[in-house]
């Protein structure tokens, strides 16, 4: 194996940070080391991390194993007690060059986890590239100031903090110069970007700056957003900027007001429906993705049906379905739980609804021409994030495809002459 191996779980931000860790570890000249970058969003994610740690020790008995990420930040004692683990590093420390230099020099303590709530800055870590040669991800924000009752992530990520606009633009420009056709803005709660910066700018302003100051950028895409925080300038950019991709992934979570209230979300069902209608009016080709949780505590069949119906009412195309996962330390863990079998059954119904919604969305493209960015040879993404199978498409190139059909999961196209 190479000197440092990164095993990363969870979100795109974690994956981005894994790239930063890899660069810093290589610069420090670490000997044989495995870094497990954990996720805490569900119990299953934590279980997978523990499993990966044990497997890594079996396969590489001489390696040093460092555990970091959100699960390590939230519950460092648990990972420190594992015999396979040499060091536990918190989310703030993992992004510091000094941490990996100390590890290389034998100076790192067994547990290096600070109070994440005291972190006030997010450094703009410049990378030469991240992702495939098709697209790169730029961290613009970290942390979250909200306290949804089901979510452990604020305790792993700390308060919301933004990367300055100038640093973001500089990184986007650097990535474009290196040949990236698409850049994705990522973070924990990117629609809160700017609230802690001088003048409290909003995300729409940042998007406008990027597109104006980096005219060579072919595509700009947003990761998950909280629709209740979307500012008017961002909606205007969606309507007016063709290079801002028509794909919004929304943090909806549920489709019934009582569940939303118990989740401590800041929107009502009608707010979500109204937002999607407005975005569709401004940008008719926009496609929506969404996170939805099945089986939240106290959820009745009628409440669940509100989430099922939301798929149609918001014209959702891409769903991330999460069966409710009890996380100790969250208010939802103390609420009356829905039986496991019911949660599983509702998740299956919601996933079936998601499959039908995706097929319906893909059908709209049949007979049309779309620009496809190659993610790998023969496969790519349309502007609205629909996957396209296109013979002859090369990684990192943009080609025009005529769509002939779909297979329920992706579009099937032919290269337009």
Protein backbone atom coordinates (compact mmCIF):
# COMPACT_ATOMS: atom_id res chain seq x y z
CA UNK A 1 0.00 0.00 0.00
CA UNK A 2 1.03 3.65 -0.38
CA UNK A 3 2.33 5.50 2.66
CA UNK A 4 -1.08 6.99 3.51
CA UNK A 5 -4.45 5.48 2.67
CA UNK A 6 -7.68 7.38 3.29
CA UNK A 7 -10.96 5.54 3.89
CA UNK A 8 -13.76 8.13 3.82
CA UNK A 9 -17.45 7.78 4.62
CA UNK A 10 -20.44 10.07 4.24
CA UNK A 11 -20.90 13.40 2.51
CA UNK A 12 -19.05 15.20 -0.24
CA UNK A 13 -17.57 17.59 2.31
CA UNK A 14 -15.98 14.64 4.11
CA UNK A 15 -14.61 13.41 0.80
CA UNK A 16 -13.25 16.87 0.05
CA UNK A 17 -11.55 16.98 3.43
CA UNK A 18 -10.11 13.53 2.80
CA UNK A 19 -8.27 15.02 -0.17
CA UNK A 20 -6.87 17.77 2.06
CA UNK A 21 -5.77 15.17 4.60
CA UNK A 22 -4.09 13.13 1.87
CA UNK A 23 -2.08 16.12 0.64
CA UNK A 24 -1.03 17.12 4.15
CA UNK A 25 -0.13 13.58 5.16
CA UNK A 26 2.00 13.14 2.05
CA UNK A 27 3.72 16.46 2.73
CA UNK A 28 4.48 15.33 6.28
CA UNK A 29 6.10 12.15 4.97
CA UNK A 30 4.04 9.77 7.08
CA UNK A 31 5.06 6.14 7.19
CA UNK A 32 2.45 3.43 6.59
CA UNK A 33 -0.78 5.02 7.85
CA UNK A 34 -4.51 4.44 7.39
CA UNK A 35 -6.85 7.35 8.07
CA UNK A 36 -10.53 6.45 8.56
CA UNK A 37 -12.65 9.58 7.99
CA UNK A 38 -15.96 8.72 9.66
CA UNK A 39 -19.56 9.87 9.27
CA UNK A 40 -22.07 10.19 12.13
CA UNK A 41 -25.32 10.83 10.27
CA UNK A 42 -26.72 7.33 10.96
CA UNK A 43 -25.92 4.37 13.21
CA UNK A 44 -25.23 2.36 10.05
CA UNK A 45 -22.52 4.83 9.02
CA UNK A 46 -20.84 4.44 12.41
CA UNK A 47 -21.10 0.64 12.20
CA UNK A 48 -19.46 0.68 8.76
CA UNK A 49 -16.61 2.80 10.11
CA UNK A 50 -15.96 0.37 12.97
CA UNK A 51 -16.02 -2.50 10.50
CA UNK A 52 -13.54 -0.72 8.23
CA UNK A 53 -11.20 -0.08 11.17
CA UNK A 54 -11.15 -3.75 12.16
CA UNK A 55 -10.64 -4.86 8.55
CA UNK A 56 -7.81 -2.38 8.08
CA UNK A 57 -6.01 -3.72 11.15
CA UNK A 58 -6.38 -7.33 9.97
CA UNK A 59 -5.09 -6.53 6.50
CA UNK A 60 -2.33 -4.11 7.58
CA UNK A 61 -1.12 -5.13 11.05
CA UNK A 62 1.91 -2.83 10.92
CA UNK A 63 0.07 0.32 9.86
CA UNK A 64 -0.85 3.17 12.15
CA UNK A 65 -4.60 3.73 12.17
CA UNK A 66 -5.97 7.23 12.71
CA UNK A 67 -9.72 7.75 13.13
CA UNK A 68 -11.23 11.17 12.41
CA UNK A 69 -14.44 12.71 11.05
CA UNK A 70 -17.82 13.39 12.59
CA UNK A 71 -18.27 10.11 14.48
CA UNK A 72 -14.82 10.51 16.02
CA UNK A 73 -15.64 14.11 16.98
CA UNK A 74 -18.97 13.17 18.59
CA UNK A 75 -17.79 10.03 20.40
CA UNK A 76 -13.98 10.00 20.62
CA UNK A 77 -13.93 7.75 23.68
CA UNK A 78 -15.59 4.93 21.77
CA UNK A 79 -12.96 4.89 19.03
CA UNK A 80 -10.09 5.50 21.46
CA UNK A 81 -11.12 2.34 23.30
CA UNK A 82 -10.80 0.19 20.16
CA UNK A 83 -7.59 -1.82 20.30
CA UNK A 84 -7.10 -1.35 16.56
CA UNK A 85 -6.92 2.47 16.80
CA UNK A 86 -3.67 4.36 17.38
CA UNK A 87 -5.00 7.94 17.29
CA UNK A 88 -8.35 9.75 17.32
CA UNK A 89 -8.34 13.20 15.69
CA UNK A 90 -11.21 15.70 15.74
CA UNK A 91 -12.72 17.51 12.77
CA UNK A 92 -10.82 20.75 13.41
CA UNK A 93 -7.45 19.11 14.00
CA UNK A 94 -7.70 16.88 10.93
CA UNK A 95 -7.50 19.97 8.69
CA UNK A 96 -4.28 21.30 10.29
CA UNK A 97 -0.88 20.53 8.81
CA UNK A 98 0.61 20.50 12.30
CA UNK A 99 -1.49 17.46 13.22
CA UNK A 100 0.03 15.30 10.49
CA UNK A 101 3.51 16.71 11.10
CA UNK A 102 3.16 15.79 14.79
CA UNK A 103 2.03 12.30 13.79
CA UNK A 104 5.04 11.88 11.52
CA UNK A 105 7.33 13.09 14.31
CA UNK A 106 5.83 10.82 16.95
CA UNK A 107 4.47 13.78 18.94
CA UNK A 108 0.72 13.26 18.42
CA UNK A 109 -1.35 12.36 21.46
CA UNK A 110 -3.67 9.37 21.47
CA UNK A 111 -6.76 11.61 21.37
CA UNK A 112 -6.71 15.09 19.81
CA UNK A 113 -10.32 16.30 19.89
CA UNK A 114 -11.10 19.90 20.78
CA UNK A 115 -14.43 21.58 21.49
CA UNK A 116 -15.84 21.94 17.97
CA UNK A 117 -18.30 24.58 19.18
CA UNK A 118 -15.38 26.94 19.82
CA UNK A 119 -14.16 26.82 16.20
CA UNK A 120 -14.79 30.14 14.49
CA UNK A 121 -12.98 29.88 11.16
CA UNK A 122 -12.99 27.64 8.12
CA UNK A 123 -9.76 27.81 6.17
CA UNK A 124 -9.96 27.86 2.39
CA UNK A 125 -7.93 24.73 1.66
CA UNK A 126 -6.79 25.02 -1.95
CA UNK A 127 -6.58 21.74 -3.82
CA UNK A 128 -5.16 21.10 -7.25
CA UNK A 129 -8.24 18.99 -7.90
CA UNK A 130 -10.82 16.79 -6.32
CA UNK A 131 -13.27 14.31 -7.80
CA UNK A 132 -12.86 13.04 -11.32
CA UNK A 133 -11.32 15.04 -14.13
CA UNK A 134 -14.92 16.01 -14.94
CA UNK A 135 -15.81 18.02 -11.86
CA UNK A 136 -14.23 19.36 -8.71
CA UNK A 137 -15.70 20.30 -5.33
CA UNK A 138 -15.00 23.54 -3.49
CA UNK A 139 -15.76 23.92 0.22
CA UNK A 140 -17.42 27.27 0.85
CA UNK A 141 -18.79 26.65 4.35
CA UNK A 142 -18.68 24.28 7.30
CA UNK A 143 -20.80 23.65 10.38
CA UNK A 144 -24.45 24.34 11.16
CA UNK A 145 -26.26 26.69 13.54
CA UNK A 146 -29.58 24.85 13.38
CA UNK A 147 -30.70 22.14 15.76
CA UNK A 148 -32.96 19.70 13.93
CA UNK A 149 -34.07 17.16 16.51
CA UNK A 150 -32.84 14.14 14.54
CA UNK A 151 -29.40 15.47 13.60
CA UNK A 152 -26.08 14.87 15.35
CA UNK A 153 -24.02 16.70 12.71
CA UNK A 154 -23.82 20.15 14.43
CA UNK A 155 -22.04 18.43 17.31
CA UNK A 156 -19.55 16.95 14.85
CA UNK A 157 -19.08 20.05 12.70
CA UNK A 158 -19.57 22.98 15.06
CA UNK A 159 -21.08 26.38 14.26
CA UNK A 160 -21.60 27.65 10.74
CA UNK A 161 -18.58 29.44 9.32
CA UNK A 162 -17.88 30.64 5.81
CA UNK A 163 -14.89 30.75 3.47
CA UNK A 164 -14.30 34.28 2.19
CA UNK A 165 -15.55 34.96 -1.33
CA UNK A 166 -12.09 35.86 -2.60
CA UNK A 167 -10.67 32.52 -1.50
CA UNK A 168 -13.56 30.66 -3.13
CA UNK A 169 -13.15 32.50 -6.42
CA UNK A 170 -9.38 31.89 -6.35
CA UNK A 171 -9.87 28.18 -5.94
CA UNK A 172 -12.50 27.97 -8.66
CA UNK A 173 -10.17 29.83 -11.02
CA UNK A 174 -7.30 27.51 -10.14
CA UNK A 175 -9.42 24.44 -10.84
CA UNK A 176 -10.65 25.78 -14.17
CA UNK A 177 -7.05 26.50 -15.19
CA UNK A 178 -6.29 22.87 -14.48
CA UNK A 179 -8.99 21.77 -16.90
CA UNK A 180 -12.08 21.16 -14.78
CA UNK A 181 -15.31 21.85 -16.67
CA UNK A 182 -17.60 21.77 -13.65
CA UNK A 183 -17.26 22.99 -10.06
CA UNK A 184 -19.64 22.05 -7.24
CA UNK A 185 -19.99 24.33 -4.20
CA UNK A 186 -20.20 22.20 -1.08
CA UNK A 187 -20.52 22.49 2.69
CA UNK A 188 -22.76 21.41 5.56
CA UNK A 189 -25.32 24.22 5.14
CA UNK A 190 -24.24 26.24 2.11
CA UNK A 191 -27.31 28.50 2.05
CA UNK A 192 -26.08 29.94 5.35
CA UNK A 193 -22.89 31.05 3.60
CA UNK A 194 -21.91 34.62 4.38
CA UNK A 195 -23.86 35.14 7.61
CA UNK A 196 -20.60 35.35 9.57
CA UNK A 197 -18.71 37.47 7.01
CA UNK A 198 -18.46 41.29 6.93
CA UNK A 199 -21.58 42.74 5.35
CA UNK A 200 -23.37 39.36 5.66
CA UNK A 201 -23.38 38.53 1.93
CA UNK A 202 -25.60 35.66 0.74
CA UNK A 203 -25.07 32.67 -1.49
CA UNK A 204 -26.62 34.31 -4.54
CA UNK A 205 -23.96 37.02 -4.44
CA UNK A 206 -21.18 34.44 -4.26
CA UNK A 207 -22.61 32.56 -7.24
CA UNK A 208 -22.76 35.79 -9.26
CA UNK A 209 -19.15 36.63 -8.34
CA UNK A 210 -17.85 33.23 -9.38
CA UNK A 211 -19.62 33.33 -12.74
CA UNK A 212 -18.52 36.91 -13.42
CA UNK A 213 -14.90 36.58 -12.31
CA UNK A 214 -14.27 33.12 -13.78
CA UNK A 215 -15.90 33.39 -17.24
CA UNK A 216 -14.05 30.28 -18.45
CA UNK A 217 -15.99 28.07 -16.00
CA UNK A 218 -18.38 25.96 -18.07
CA UNK A 219 -20.63 24.71 -15.27
CA UNK A 220 -21.32 25.72 -11.68
CA UNK A 221 -23.40 23.41 -9.53
CA UNK A 222 -24.72 23.61 -5.96
CA UNK A 223 -24.73 20.75 -3.48
CA UNK A 224 -27.60 20.30 -1.03
CA UNK A 225 -29.41 23.50 -0.05
CA UNK A 226 -31.99 24.48 2.56
CA UNK A 227 -34.75 25.99 0.44
CA UNK A 228 -36.10 28.18 3.25
CA UNK A 229 -32.74 30.03 3.31
CA UNK A 230 -32.50 30.67 -0.44
CA UNK A 231 -32.09 34.39 -1.16
CA UNK A 232 -33.67 36.33 -4.03
CA UNK A 233 -30.32 36.87 -5.73
CA UNK A 234 -29.78 33.11 -5.93
CA UNK A 235 -33.19 32.64 -7.53
CA UNK A 236 -32.37 35.44 -9.96
CA UNK A 237 -29.09 33.73 -10.82
CA UNK A 238 -30.95 30.46 -11.39
CA UNK A 239 -33.20 32.26 -13.88
CA UNK A 240 -30.51 34.27 -15.65
CA UNK A 241 -27.23 32.33 -15.51
CA UNK A 242 -27.13 29.42 -17.96
CA UNK A 243 -23.85 28.23 -16.48
CA UNK A 244 -25.55 27.69 -13.10
CA UNK A 245 -26.82 24.16 -13.51
CA UNK A 246 -30.62 23.60 -13.26
CA UNK A 247 -30.42 21.10 -10.43
CA UNK A 248 -31.33 21.83 -6.81
CA UNK A 249 -31.04 19.20 -4.10
CA UNK A 250 -33.34 20.23 -1.26
CA UNK A 251 -33.26 19.45 2.45
CA UNK A 252 -36.99 18.68 2.76
CA UNK A 253 -36.92 15.74 5.23
CA UNK A 254 -40.71 15.30 5.49
CA UNK A 255 -44.01 16.28 3.89
CA UNK A 256 -46.28 16.80 6.90
CA UNK A 257 -46.33 19.93 9.07
CA UNK A 258 -46.52 18.09 12.39
CA UNK A 259 -43.47 15.98 11.54
CA UNK A 260 -41.61 19.06 10.34
CA UNK A 261 -42.45 20.80 13.62
CA UNK A 262 -41.21 17.84 15.66
CA UNK A 263 -38.06 17.75 13.53
CA UNK A 264 -37.63 21.46 14.36
CA UNK A 265 -37.37 22.31 10.71
CA UNK A 266 -37.91 25.94 9.77
CA UNK A 267 -40.34 25.45 6.91
CA UNK A 268 -43.85 24.11 6.40
CA UNK A 269 -44.99 21.78 3.67
CA UNK A 270 -46.55 24.69 1.75
CA UNK A 271 -43.21 26.53 1.82
CA UNK A 272 -41.51 23.64 0.04
CA UNK A 273 -44.23 23.34 -2.60
CA UNK A 274 -44.22 27.10 -3.17
CA UNK A 275 -40.42 27.22 -3.51
CA UNK A 276 -40.38 24.45 -6.11
CA UNK A 277 -43.15 26.12 -8.10
CA UNK A 278 -41.29 29.44 -8.08
CA UNK A 279 -37.97 27.88 -9.09
CA UNK A 280 -39.72 25.99 -11.89
CA UNK A 281 -41.33 29.19 -13.11
CA UNK A 282 -37.99 30.96 -13.19
CA UNK A 283 -36.07 28.04 -14.72
CA UNK A 284 -38.44 25.58 -16.46
CA UNK A 285 -35.71 22.98 -16.96
CA UNK A 286 -34.75 22.81 -13.28
CA UNK A 287 -34.80 19.37 -11.65
CA UNK A 288 -35.19 18.79 -7.93
CA UNK A 289 -33.59 16.26 -5.66
CA UNK A 290 -34.46 15.91 -1.99
CA UNK A 291 -33.63 14.21 1.29
CA UNK A 292 -36.62 12.50 2.90
CA UNK A 293 -36.74 10.56 6.17
CA UNK A 294 -39.14 7.64 6.59
CA UNK A 295 -40.38 6.61 10.03
CA UNK A 296 -39.51 9.68 12.09
CA UNK A 297 -40.69 9.24 15.71
CA UNK A 298 -44.48 9.68 16.12
CA UNK A 299 -45.00 9.51 12.34
CA UNK A 300 -48.44 8.07 11.53
CA UNK A 301 -49.50 6.55 8.23
CA UNK A 302 -51.25 9.78 7.33
CA UNK A 303 -48.13 11.81 8.10
CA UNK A 304 -46.02 9.45 6.01
CA UNK A 305 -48.41 9.78 3.10
CA UNK A 306 -47.67 13.51 3.21
CA UNK A 307 -44.07 12.68 2.30
CA UNK A 308 -45.18 10.33 -0.46
CA UNK A 309 -47.42 13.01 -1.93
CA UNK A 310 -44.67 15.61 -1.65
CA UNK A 311 -42.75 13.79 -4.37
CA UNK A 312 -45.50 14.69 -6.84
CA UNK A 313 -46.40 18.06 -5.35
CA UNK A 314 -42.79 19.29 -5.59
CA UNK A 315 -42.07 17.43 -8.85
CA UNK A 316 -39.06 15.70 -7.29
CA UNK A 317 -36.78 13.65 -9.53
CA UNK A 318 -33.86 12.45 -7.41
CA UNK A 319 -34.56 11.22 -3.88
CA UNK A 320 -32.22 10.28 -1.07
CA UNK A 321 -34.41 8.15 1.21
CA UNK A 322 -33.26 7.67 4.81
CA UNK A 323 -34.97 5.29 7.23
CA UNK A 324 -34.98 7.11 10.57
CA UNK A 325 -31.83 6.33 12.53
CA UNK A 326 -31.88 6.99 16.26
CA UNK A 327 -28.82 8.99 17.33
CA UNK A 328 -28.18 9.13 21.07
CA UNK A 329 -27.90 12.70 22.31
CA UNK A 330 -30.54 14.09 19.96
CA UNK A 331 -34.07 15.10 21.07
CA UNK A 332 -35.62 12.68 18.58
CA UNK A 333 -34.03 9.79 20.47
CA UNK A 334 -36.34 10.58 23.39
CA UNK A 335 -39.53 10.64 21.31
CA UNK A 336 -41.87 7.66 20.85
CA UNK A 337 -40.27 5.51 18.18
CA UNK A 338 -41.95 3.98 15.14
CA UNK A 339 -41.51 0.17 15.08
CA UNK A 340 -38.52 -0.95 13.04
CA UNK A 341 -40.62 -3.04 10.68
CA UNK A 342 -42.85 -0.06 9.90
CA UNK A 343 -39.83 2.16 9.26
CA UNK A 344 -38.43 -0.43 6.88
CA UNK A 345 -41.74 -0.82 5.03
CA UNK A 346 -42.21 2.94 4.64
CA UNK A 347 -38.66 3.34 3.39
CA UNK A 348 -39.33 0.72 0.73
CA UNK A 349 -42.52 2.49 -0.38
CA UNK A 350 -40.73 5.82 -0.55
CA UNK A 351 -37.90 4.29 -2.59
CA UNK A 352 -40.44 2.81 -4.98
CA UNK A 353 -42.01 6.24 -5.34
CA UNK A 354 -38.54 7.63 -5.98
CA UNK A 355 -37.93 5.12 -8.78
CA UNK A 356 -41.22 6.07 -10.42
CA UNK A 357 -40.40 9.78 -10.11
CA UNK A 358 -36.97 9.32 -11.68
CA UNK A 359 -38.39 7.33 -14.60
CA UNK A 360 -41.00 10.04 -15.15
CA UNK A 361 -38.35 12.72 -15.14
CA UNK A 362 -36.10 10.85 -17.55
CA UNK A 363 -38.98 10.38 -19.98
CA UNK A 364 -39.16 14.16 -20.45
CA UNK A 365 -35.73 14.09 -22.13
CA UNK A 366 -36.57 11.47 -24.79
CA UNK A 367 -36.28 13.00 -28.25
CA UNK A 368 -34.33 16.01 -27.01
CA UNK A 369 -30.69 17.03 -27.29
CA UNK A 370 -28.67 17.61 -24.11
CA UNK A 371 -25.11 18.60 -23.29
CA UNK A 372 -23.36 15.82 -21.40
CA UNK A 373 -20.25 16.17 -19.25
CA UNK A 374 -18.22 12.96 -19.26
CA UNK A 375 -17.79 11.52 -15.74
CA UNK A 376 -16.10 8.43 -17.10
CA UNK A 377 -15.76 6.95 -20.56
CA UNK A 378 -19.23 6.29 -21.96
CA UNK A 379 -21.15 7.92 -19.09
CA UNK A 380 -21.87 11.48 -18.05
CA UNK A 381 -24.36 13.96 -16.61
CA UNK A 382 -26.82 16.30 -18.22
CA UNK A 383 -27.13 19.83 -16.77
CA UNK A 384 -30.07 18.71 -14.59
CA UNK A 385 -27.93 15.85 -13.21
CA UNK A 386 -29.59 13.08 -15.21
CA UNK A 387 -27.07 10.34 -15.89
CA UNK A 388 -26.51 9.65 -19.58
CA UNK A 389 -25.03 6.62 -21.26
CA UNK A 390 -23.31 7.87 -24.39
CA UNK A 391 -20.96 5.74 -26.46
CA UNK A 392 -17.83 7.64 -27.42
CA UNK A 393 -18.04 10.14 -24.55
CA UNK A 394 -14.67 10.77 -22.93
CA UNK A 395 -13.88 11.73 -19.35
CA UNK A 396 -13.94 15.48 -18.79
CA UNK A 397 -15.32 16.41 -22.21
CA UNK A 398 -18.70 17.96 -23.00
CA UNK A 399 -20.65 16.53 -25.92
CA UNK A 400 -24.15 16.97 -27.31
CA UNK A 401 -26.31 13.85 -27.20
CA UNK A 402 -29.65 13.03 -28.77
CA UNK A 403 -31.69 11.05 -26.24
CA UNK A 404 -33.45 8.03 -27.66
CA UNK A 405 -34.75 6.32 -24.52
CA UNK A 406 -33.99 5.55 -20.89
CA UNK A 407 -33.71 2.43 -18.73
CA UNK A 408 -35.36 3.86 -15.64
CA UNK A 409 -32.06 4.95 -14.11
CA UNK A 410 -30.25 6.79 -16.88
CA UNK A 411 -30.77 8.31 -20.29
CA UNK A 412 -29.56 6.45 -23.38
CA UNK A 413 -28.19 8.77 -26.01
CA UNK A 414 -26.29 8.94 -29.27
CA UNK A 415 -23.55 11.39 -30.07
CA UNK A 416 -24.90 14.17 -32.26
CA UNK A 417 -22.86 14.64 -35.39
